[in-house]
Protein backbone atom coordinates (compact mmCIF):
# COMPACT_ATOMS: atom_id res chain seq x y z
CA MET A 1 28.35 51.72 7.31
CA GLY A 2 27.25 51.79 3.69
CA ALA A 3 24.30 49.43 3.98
CA THR A 4 21.08 50.08 2.14
CA VAL A 5 18.33 49.78 4.75
CA HIS A 6 14.70 49.09 3.90
CA LEU A 7 12.12 49.44 6.68
CA LEU A 8 8.67 47.94 6.25
CA ASP A 9 5.81 48.69 8.60
CA LYS A 10 2.03 48.91 8.49
CA ASN A 11 2.01 52.22 10.37
CA THR A 12 2.35 54.91 7.69
CA ASP A 13 2.75 57.70 10.28
CA ARG A 14 5.72 55.86 11.76
CA LEU A 15 7.23 55.30 8.31
CA GLU A 16 6.90 59.00 7.52
CA TYR A 17 8.53 59.93 10.84
CA ILE A 18 11.45 57.50 10.28
CA SER A 19 11.96 58.76 6.74
CA HIS A 20 12.03 62.38 7.91
CA PHE A 21 14.13 61.64 11.01
CA THR A 22 16.81 59.77 9.00
CA ASN A 23 16.87 62.30 6.16
CA GLU A 24 15.52 59.59 3.86
CA ARG A 25 18.64 57.45 4.32
CA ILE A 26 16.30 54.58 5.22
CA ILE A 27 13.97 53.49 2.44
CA THR A 28 10.49 52.99 3.88
CA SER A 29 7.63 50.95 2.48
CA VAL A 30 4.25 49.78 3.66
CA ALA A 31 4.48 46.15 4.80
CA THR A 32 2.25 44.35 2.34
CA LYS A 33 2.74 40.69 1.42
CA HIS A 34 3.91 41.77 -2.04
CA ALA A 35 6.50 44.22 -0.62
CA ILE A 36 7.80 41.67 1.87
CA GLU A 37 8.18 39.03 -0.86
CA LYS A 38 10.02 41.55 -3.04
CA TYR A 39 12.49 42.78 -0.41
CA ILE A 40 13.41 39.45 1.18
CA GLN A 41 14.50 38.04 -2.18
CA PHE A 42 17.57 40.33 -2.27
CA ALA A 43 18.13 41.00 1.44
CA ASP A 44 21.35 39.97 3.15
CA VAL A 45 19.80 40.37 6.62
CA VAL A 46 16.11 40.32 7.54
CA ILE A 47 15.16 41.51 11.02
CA LEU A 48 11.65 40.67 12.18
CA SER A 49 10.27 42.63 15.10
CA VAL A 50 6.54 42.00 15.29
CA LEU A 51 4.26 42.38 18.29
CA VAL A 52 0.52 41.89 18.44
CA PRO A 53 -0.40 42.40 22.11
CA GLY A 54 -2.26 39.41 23.50
CA ALA A 55 -1.89 37.31 20.36
CA LEU A 56 0.59 35.28 18.36
CA PRO A 57 2.54 37.29 15.80
CA PRO A 58 1.57 36.84 12.16
CA ILE A 59 3.79 34.66 9.99
CA ILE A 60 5.69 37.25 7.96
CA ILE A 61 7.86 34.75 6.07
CA ASP A 62 6.14 31.51 5.16
CA LYS A 63 7.97 28.39 3.91
CA ASP A 64 7.37 29.22 0.23
CA MET A 65 8.81 32.74 0.67
CA ALA A 66 11.80 31.31 2.57
CA ARG A 67 12.60 28.95 -0.33
CA ARG A 68 12.88 31.96 -2.67
CA MET A 69 15.36 33.81 -0.44
CA ARG A 70 19.04 33.96 -1.41
CA LYS A 71 21.38 31.42 0.14
CA GLY A 72 23.46 33.05 2.86
CA THR A 73 20.70 35.37 4.06
CA VAL A 74 20.42 35.78 7.84
CA VAL A 75 16.96 36.06 9.41
CA ILE A 76 16.83 37.46 12.94
CA ASP A 77 13.48 36.82 14.63
CA PHE A 78 12.84 39.00 17.68
CA ALA A 79 9.21 37.80 17.85
CA ILE A 80 10.26 34.35 19.07
CA ASP A 81 8.99 35.03 22.61
CA GLN A 82 5.47 35.14 21.17
CA GLY A 83 5.97 32.19 18.80
CA GLY A 84 8.07 33.61 15.98
CA ALA A 85 7.29 35.55 12.82
CA THR A 86 8.45 32.93 10.32
CA ALA A 87 7.20 29.46 9.57
CA ILE A 88 10.77 28.22 10.11
CA THR A 89 12.16 29.73 13.34
CA ARG A 90 11.46 27.93 16.56
CA ALA A 91 12.30 28.66 20.17
CA ARG A 92 15.27 26.52 21.07
CA GLY A 93 15.42 27.05 24.81
CA ALA A 94 16.24 30.23 26.66
CA HIS A 95 19.40 30.91 24.69
CA ILE A 96 20.43 32.01 21.23
CA ASP A 97 20.88 28.99 18.99
CA PRO A 98 21.16 29.79 15.27
CA PHE A 99 20.38 27.08 12.74
CA VAL A 100 20.60 26.81 8.96
CA GLU A 101 17.82 25.57 6.72
CA ASN A 102 18.10 25.58 2.92
CA GLY A 103 21.14 27.87 3.12
CA ILE A 104 19.34 30.50 5.23
CA THR A 105 20.61 31.14 8.77
CA TYR A 106 17.81 31.65 11.29
CA LEU A 107 18.55 33.33 14.58
CA ALA A 108 15.80 33.52 17.18
CA ILE A 109 16.66 35.80 20.08
CA PRO A 110 14.48 35.07 23.12
CA ASN A 111 14.06 37.82 25.71
CA ALA A 112 16.23 40.26 23.78
CA PRO A 113 15.67 43.14 26.24
CA ALA A 114 17.50 41.15 28.93
CA MET A 115 20.64 41.28 26.79
CA VAL A 116 20.69 45.06 27.19
CA ALA A 117 19.17 45.31 30.66
CA ARG A 118 20.52 48.77 31.50
CA THR A 119 19.23 50.33 28.28
CA THR A 120 15.92 48.50 28.67
CA SER A 121 15.50 49.79 32.22
CA LYS A 122 16.18 53.36 31.11
CA ALA A 123 13.75 53.09 28.19
CA LEU A 124 11.00 51.62 30.38
CA THR A 125 11.55 54.29 33.02
CA LEU A 126 11.30 57.05 30.41
CA ALA A 127 8.08 55.51 29.09
CA ILE A 128 6.45 54.82 32.45
CA MET A 129 7.39 57.88 34.54
CA PRO A 130 5.08 60.38 32.79
CA ILE A 131 2.17 57.99 33.31
CA LEU A 132 3.00 57.50 36.97
CA LYS A 133 3.50 61.22 37.57
CA SER A 134 0.16 62.13 36.02
CA ALA A 135 -1.59 59.41 38.02
CA MET A 136 0.06 60.52 41.25
CA ASN A 137 -0.86 64.14 40.67
CA SER A 138 -4.48 63.29 40.05
CA LYS A 139 -4.77 61.34 43.34
CA ASP A 140 -6.58 58.51 41.55
CA ARG A 141 -6.57 54.79 42.35
CA LEU A 142 -2.88 54.47 41.58
CA TYR A 143 -2.11 57.06 44.25
CA HIS A 144 -4.10 55.06 46.80
CA ALA A 145 -2.32 51.87 45.76
CA CYS A 146 1.10 53.37 46.50
CA TYR A 147 2.94 52.72 49.72
CA ILE A 148 5.45 55.50 49.23
CA TYR A 149 4.87 58.83 47.50
CA ASN A 150 7.37 61.67 47.27
CA ARG A 151 9.79 59.68 49.49
CA LYS A 152 7.29 59.52 52.34
CA LYS A 153 5.25 56.62 53.63
CA ILE A 154 1.58 57.20 52.91
């Protein structure tokens, strides 16, 4: 659609894969504090998707960084289920409720996978099935925990 997309991540292997997969149409950078500060100053839309299993997400955009962002920027925080990845966004119930602070629109989207339940179910199935199949074939604890295997009651 003509947008210039910058993707920041700490995983350099993933950045290399994305760059190759998109024919370098997406500009990739390592997510350092300096890089984040640089890119959010000119961004029209900032999408935060941060997950640290078992812990709160790090604050990617602190209040000082937010003050230096351009007025009219939209920040979409998908990490709100774990507490949010900015010092500004807050969970506002179980629904989407955008708010504006200092000219920046913040949108926290709780339980985003539920909004695309069919796609989420397919993605989870594709991720889980190989694990289940290998466990079932090895007759390990998972096999013994199953009630039905190969459409037959065990």
